[in-house]
């Protein structure tokens, strides 16, 4: 029994074969770092903006990043089709001509069948959405919004710089234009208990969101979160605890929502805690085991229908 709608299966349904994302660093910034909102960034965010650091650290152009990644992916997964995933920092934060040039450059590569753009909900407007939508004529397109939590108190605590209402407005703006939306949420945020995390899942289930990425809150060295952790003011989730929370969330989400991620990929050299976060395959097996042990599946407790969202 397939207990959740995973991203790889979804892509095979569309393209008939394996498709892999290529994570790209476009060298863009973030209003929560450049002083527009703040210079501190989010509580958990590292200097690379949860991205690869390919532009800032290695000086690689978009073309160079794609060529290098394709070689590695083709060798490991035998994939022949790819999605350009603009991951690092805020990838709609810039003038429209520059954004268009970046997206066009990536999509000019052979076998690039899709575009996925990660951004903040406070960094989209009608012009950005018109640009994103224009690629849907001949590509699979996803717009990824970082929500993290539906609770404004949590968003203030993690120094997010926007509220849940901003996220909802941005979702509805994109949905009105027929753009696929993937929401990012984080489990284990400071001050949140199980009920709060599950309320974020219920909140998403009521919105026109087609996909979700579920992340574990891990601690990266040099971040404000690391300072809290070092002082004993923040506790990371345990593996079994996290796995059961993921299952709790999956039960509440619509059965047709695409689960693009079940846990994160922390940078090994910069991870402070928990060390088990590095064991991705073990963590995924633990989630699958919890689903099977509880004899449950995505959408089992979902109330409503896609038509109502």
Protein backbone atom coordinates (compact mmCIF):
# COMPACT_ATOMS: atom_id res chain seq x y z
CA UNK A 1 0.00 0.00 0.00
CA UNK A 2 1.32 3.45 -0.92
CA UNK A 3 0.68 5.42 2.25
CA UNK A 4 1.42 8.93 0.94
CA UNK A 5 1.63 10.64 -2.44
CA UNK A 6 5.36 11.08 -2.93
CA UNK A 7 6.97 13.50 -5.37
CA UNK A 8 8.85 10.91 -7.41
CA UNK A 9 5.66 8.99 -8.17
CA UNK A 10 3.89 12.23 -9.08
CA UNK A 11 6.67 13.09 -11.56
CA UNK A 12 6.59 9.62 -13.10
CA UNK A 13 2.85 10.00 -13.62
CA UNK A 14 3.52 13.15 -15.68
CA UNK A 15 6.72 12.29 -17.52
CA UNK A 16 6.75 8.50 -17.51
CA UNK A 17 10.26 8.33 -16.09
CA UNK A 18 12.44 9.54 -13.24
CA UNK A 19 12.91 13.30 -13.05
CA UNK A 20 15.41 14.95 -10.70
CA UNK A 21 15.63 18.45 -9.31
CA UNK A 22 18.83 20.44 -9.72
CA UNK A 23 19.31 22.84 -6.79
CA UNK A 24 20.54 26.25 -7.94
CA UNK A 25 22.03 29.25 -6.18
CA UNK A 26 21.26 32.40 -8.16
CA UNK A 27 23.21 34.75 -5.90
CA UNK A 28 20.06 36.53 -4.75
CA UNK A 29 19.50 37.93 -1.27
CA UNK A 30 16.61 38.13 1.18
CA UNK A 31 14.69 41.09 2.66
CA UNK A 32 15.18 39.50 6.08
CA UNK A 33 18.94 39.86 5.67
CA UNK A 34 19.63 42.96 3.58
CA UNK A 35 17.94 45.39 5.98
CA UNK A 36 14.60 45.75 4.19
CA UNK A 37 12.93 43.82 7.03
CA UNK A 38 15.93 42.90 9.17
CA UNK A 39 19.62 42.03 8.98
CA UNK A 40 19.33 39.04 11.33
CA UNK A 41 17.60 36.50 9.12
CA UNK A 42 15.42 33.71 10.47
CA UNK A 43 16.40 32.10 13.75
CA UNK A 44 17.47 28.85 12.06
CA UNK A 45 18.87 30.11 8.77
CA UNK A 46 22.56 29.74 7.97
CA UNK A 47 24.76 31.98 5.86
CA UNK A 48 23.81 30.08 2.70
CA UNK A 49 20.09 30.63 3.10
CA UNK A 50 19.39 26.89 3.40
CA UNK A 51 20.87 26.45 -0.06
CA UNK A 52 23.95 25.04 -1.70
CA UNK A 53 26.32 27.99 -1.48
CA UNK A 54 27.32 27.26 -5.08
CA UNK A 55 27.26 30.93 -6.07
CA UNK A 56 28.47 32.62 -2.91
CA UNK A 57 31.06 30.02 -1.85
CA UNK A 58 32.23 28.58 -5.16
CA UNK A 59 31.44 31.36 -7.62
CA UNK A 60 29.66 28.99 -10.01
CA UNK A 61 27.33 30.39 -12.65
CA UNK A 62 23.90 28.91 -13.30
CA UNK A 63 25.29 27.09 -16.34
CA UNK A 64 28.22 25.67 -14.40
CA UNK A 65 25.97 24.51 -11.55
CA UNK A 66 23.64 22.72 -13.98
CA UNK A 67 26.42 21.01 -15.94
CA UNK A 68 28.08 19.76 -12.74
CA UNK A 69 24.81 18.62 -11.16
CA UNK A 70 23.62 16.81 -14.28
CA UNK A 71 26.78 14.72 -14.38
CA UNK A 72 26.36 13.68 -10.76
CA UNK A 73 22.63 13.00 -11.07
CA UNK A 74 22.93 11.02 -14.29
CA UNK A 75 25.63 8.86 -12.72
CA UNK A 76 23.66 8.25 -9.50
CA UNK A 77 20.04 8.09 -10.66
CA UNK A 78 20.28 7.59 -14.44
CA UNK A 79 17.81 10.48 -14.80
CA UNK A 80 17.41 12.08 -18.22
CA UNK A 81 14.99 14.88 -17.34
CA UNK A 82 15.44 17.66 -14.82
CA UNK A 83 13.73 20.47 -12.92
CA UNK A 84 15.60 23.73 -12.29
CA UNK A 85 15.12 24.37 -8.57
CA UNK A 86 16.04 27.87 -7.47
CA UNK A 87 16.61 27.09 -3.81
CA UNK A 88 19.03 29.45 -2.04
CA UNK A 89 17.62 32.53 -0.32
CA UNK A 90 14.62 34.32 -1.91
CA UNK A 91 14.32 33.61 -5.62
CA UNK A 92 11.71 36.20 -6.56
CA UNK A 93 13.61 38.98 -4.77
CA UNK A 94 14.95 41.08 -7.60
CA UNK A 95 13.99 43.07 -10.70
CA UNK A 96 11.80 41.19 -13.16
CA UNK A 97 14.37 41.38 -16.02
CA UNK A 98 17.03 39.78 -13.80
CA UNK A 99 14.67 37.04 -12.61
CA UNK A 100 13.60 36.31 -16.18
CA UNK A 101 17.23 36.09 -17.29
CA UNK A 102 18.02 33.61 -14.50
CA UNK A 103 15.01 31.38 -15.17
CA UNK A 104 15.52 31.52 -18.95
CA UNK A 105 19.19 30.60 -18.58
CA UNK A 106 18.35 27.51 -16.54
CA UNK A 107 15.52 26.37 -18.78
CA UNK A 108 17.66 26.73 -21.90
CA UNK A 109 19.52 23.56 -20.94
CA UNK A 110 18.47 20.36 -22.72
CA UNK A 111 16.10 18.03 -20.87
CA UNK A 112 15.04 20.74 -18.40
CA UNK A 113 11.32 19.99 -18.13
CA UNK A 114 10.38 22.06 -15.11
CA UNK A 115 10.96 25.11 -12.97
CA UNK A 116 10.61 25.31 -9.19
CA UNK A 117 11.11 28.65 -7.44
CA UNK A 118 11.53 28.91 -3.66
CA UNK A 119 10.63 32.24 -2.13
CA UNK A 120 8.99 34.10 0.73
CA UNK A 121 5.27 34.92 0.62
CA UNK A 122 6.07 38.61 1.09
CA UNK A 123 8.23 38.66 -2.05
CA UNK A 124 5.63 38.07 -4.76
CA UNK A 125 3.38 40.47 -6.64
CA UNK A 126 1.34 40.38 -9.83
CA UNK A 127 4.39 40.95 -12.03
CA UNK A 128 6.37 38.13 -10.44
CA UNK A 129 3.38 35.81 -10.72
CA UNK A 130 2.86 36.75 -14.36
CA UNK A 131 6.48 35.81 -15.05
CA UNK A 132 6.21 32.50 -13.20
CA UNK A 133 2.96 31.68 -14.96
CA UNK A 134 4.46 32.36 -18.40
CA UNK A 135 6.66 29.26 -18.08
CA UNK A 136 3.65 26.99 -17.65
CA UNK A 137 3.07 26.94 -21.41
CA UNK A 138 5.70 24.25 -21.86
CA UNK A 139 7.12 23.42 -18.43
CA UNK A 140 5.98 21.96 -15.13
CA UNK A 141 6.08 24.91 -12.72
CA UNK A 142 6.00 25.03 -8.91
CA UNK A 143 6.17 28.08 -6.66
CA UNK A 144 7.45 27.22 -3.18
CA UNK A 145 6.46 29.42 -0.24
CA UNK A 146 8.13 29.20 3.14
CA UNK A 147 5.40 29.24 5.78
CA UNK A 148 7.13 27.23 8.55
CA UNK A 149 4.18 27.69 10.96
CA UNK A 150 0.62 28.99 10.84
CA UNK A 151 1.04 30.61 14.27
CA UNK A 152 1.97 34.28 14.28
CA UNK A 153 3.54 34.01 17.74
CA UNK A 154 5.92 31.37 16.37
CA UNK A 155 6.68 33.40 13.26
CA UNK A 156 7.65 36.33 15.48
CA UNK A 157 9.74 34.05 17.70
CA UNK A 158 11.73 32.70 14.76
CA UNK A 159 12.19 36.20 13.31
CA UNK A 160 10.37 35.29 10.13
CA UNK A 161 9.33 38.85 9.21
CA UNK A 162 5.83 38.06 7.92
CA UNK A 163 2.61 36.65 9.35
CA UNK A 164 0.30 33.81 8.32
CA UNK A 165 -2.12 36.24 6.67
CA UNK A 166 0.66 37.26 4.26
CA UNK A 167 1.19 33.62 3.35
CA UNK A 168 -2.50 33.07 2.74
CA UNK A 169 -2.79 36.16 0.52
CA UNK A 170 0.17 35.03 -1.55
CA UNK A 171 -1.23 31.51 -1.88
CA UNK A 172 -4.55 32.79 -3.14
CA UNK A 173 -2.88 35.21 -5.57
CA UNK A 174 -0.87 32.37 -7.11
CA UNK A 175 -3.79 29.94 -7.06
CA UNK A 176 -5.95 32.44 -8.92
CA UNK A 177 -3.39 32.25 -11.74
CA UNK A 178 -3.31 28.46 -11.79
CA UNK A 179 0.21 28.15 -10.35
CA UNK A 180 1.16 25.03 -8.39
CA UNK A 181 2.06 25.94 -4.82
CA UNK A 182 4.28 23.99 -2.43
CA UNK A 183 4.32 25.11 1.22
CA UNK A 184 7.28 24.53 3.53
CA UNK A 185 6.55 23.74 7.18
CA UNK A 186 8.95 22.96 10.03
CA UNK A 187 8.29 20.58 12.92
CA UNK A 188 9.90 21.22 16.28
CA UNK A 189 9.96 25.02 16.23
CA UNK A 190 10.66 26.74 19.59
CA UNK A 191 7.57 27.11 21.73
CA UNK A 192 5.39 24.79 19.66
CA UNK A 193 3.74 21.66 21.00
CA UNK A 194 2.12 18.81 19.07
CA UNK A 195 -1.28 20.51 18.89
CA UNK A 196 0.22 23.66 17.36
CA UNK A 197 2.11 21.68 14.73
CA UNK A 198 -1.02 19.76 13.78
CA UNK A 199 -2.98 22.99 13.54
CA UNK A 200 -0.48 24.15 10.89
CA UNK A 201 -1.31 20.97 8.95
CA UNK A 202 -5.04 21.66 9.26
CA UNK A 203 -4.46 25.25 8.16
CA UNK A 204 -2.69 24.08 5.00
CA UNK A 205 -5.39 21.53 4.28
CA UNK A 206 -7.93 24.35 3.99
CA UNK A 207 -5.94 26.31 1.40
CA UNK A 208 -5.43 25.79 -2.37
CA UNK A 209 -1.96 24.31 -1.85
CA UNK A 210 -0.93 21.39 -4.06
CA UNK A 211 2.27 20.29 -2.32
CA UNK A 212 4.13 20.39 0.96
CA UNK A 213 7.69 19.99 2.22
CA UNK A 214 7.96 18.87 5.83
CA UNK A 215 11.21 19.78 7.55
CA UNK A 216 12.86 18.82 10.81
CA UNK A 217 14.20 21.81 12.74
CA UNK A 218 17.89 21.03 13.08
CA UNK A 219 20.55 23.31 14.53
CA UNK A 220 23.22 24.78 12.28
CA UNK A 221 26.39 26.20 13.79
CA UNK A 222 26.61 29.97 14.00
CA UNK A 223 22.86 30.61 13.89
CA UNK A 224 20.76 32.29 16.61
CA UNK A 225 19.11 28.89 17.11
CA UNK A 226 22.52 27.41 17.91
CA UNK A 227 22.95 29.97 20.67
CA UNK A 228 19.60 28.95 22.19
CA UNK A 229 20.59 25.29 21.92
CA UNK A 230 23.98 25.90 23.56
CA UNK A 231 22.28 27.66 26.48
CA UNK A 232 19.87 24.77 26.95
CA UNK A 233 16.89 26.88 25.88
CA UNK A 234 15.97 24.72 22.88
CA UNK A 235 15.55 20.95 22.61
CA UNK A 236 15.67 19.10 19.31
CA UNK A 237 13.08 16.44 18.55
CA UNK A 238 14.09 12.80 18.88
CA UNK A 239 13.90 10.59 15.79
CA UNK A 240 10.86 8.55 16.87
CA UNK A 241 9.14 11.71 18.06
CA UNK A 242 9.70 13.37 14.70
CA UNK A 243 8.57 10.32 12.72
CA UNK A 244 5.29 10.15 14.63
CA UNK A 245 4.69 13.89 14.17
CA UNK A 246 5.22 13.52 10.41
CA UNK A 247 2.63 10.73 10.36
CA UNK A 248 0.24 12.90 12.40
CA UNK A 249 0.64 15.67 9.83
CA UNK A 250 0.20 13.34 6.84
CA UNK A 251 -3.06 12.04 8.25
CA UNK A 252 -4.51 15.56 8.23
CA UNK A 253 -3.40 16.62 4.74
CA UNK A 254 -5.55 16.09 1.63
CA UNK A 255 -4.86 12.73 -0.03
CA UNK A 256 -4.10 14.43 -3.37
CA UNK A 257 -1.47 16.80 -1.94
CA UNK A 258 2.02 16.00 -3.26
CA UNK A 259 4.50 15.30 -0.46
CA UNK A 260 7.72 16.73 -1.84
CA UNK A 261 9.80 16.18 1.28
CA UNK A 262 9.52 14.37 4.62
CA UNK A 263 12.72 15.63 6.24
CA UNK A 264 15.62 17.97 5.53
CA UNK A 265 19.22 17.55 4.36
CA UNK A 266 21.46 19.37 6.84
CA UNK A 267 25.01 20.32 5.83
CA UNK A 268 27.21 17.69 7.53
CA UNK A 269 30.08 20.03 8.34
CA UNK A 270 27.80 22.69 9.82
CA UNK A 271 25.25 20.61 11.73
CA UNK A 272 25.27 21.06 15.50
CA UNK A 273 22.27 18.89 16.42
CA UNK A 274 20.64 16.41 16.25
CA UNK A 275 23.23 14.08 14.74
CA UNK A 276 20.52 11.63 13.64
CA UNK A 277 19.31 14.24 11.12
CA UNK A 278 22.20 13.16 8.88
CA UNK A 279 20.79 9.63 8.55
CA UNK A 280 18.20 10.42 5.90
CA UNK A 281 17.41 6.90 4.73
CA UNK A 282 17.07 5.65 8.30
CA UNK A 283 14.76 8.56 9.07
CA UNK A 284 12.58 7.86 6.03
CA UNK A 285 12.36 4.20 7.01
CA UNK A 286 11.34 5.24 10.51
CA UNK A 287 8.50 7.33 9.08
CA UNK A 288 7.40 4.49 6.81
CA UNK A 289 7.54 2.07 9.75
CA UNK A 290 5.36 4.42 11.81
CA UNK A 291 2.81 4.61 9.00
CA UNK A 292 2.67 0.82 8.76
CA UNK A 293 2.67 0.22 12.51
CA UNK A 294 -0.23 2.63 12.93
CA UNK A 295 -1.96 1.25 9.81
CA UNK A 296 -2.59 4.75 8.57
CA UNK A 297 -2.08 6.88 5.47
CA UNK A 298 -2.08 10.43 4.08
CA UNK A 299 -5.53 11.98 4.28
CA UNK A 300 -7.03 9.47 6.72
CA UNK A 301 -8.21 12.28 8.99
CA UNK A 302 -8.60 14.96 6.33
CA UNK A 303 -11.91 16.75 6.59
CA UNK A 304 -13.15 18.37 3.42
CA UNK A 305 -12.48 18.01 -0.27
CA UNK A 306 -10.18 19.50 -2.85
CA UNK A 307 -13.15 21.33 -4.36
CA UNK A 308 -13.71 23.16 -1.08
CA UNK A 309 -10.15 24.36 -0.74
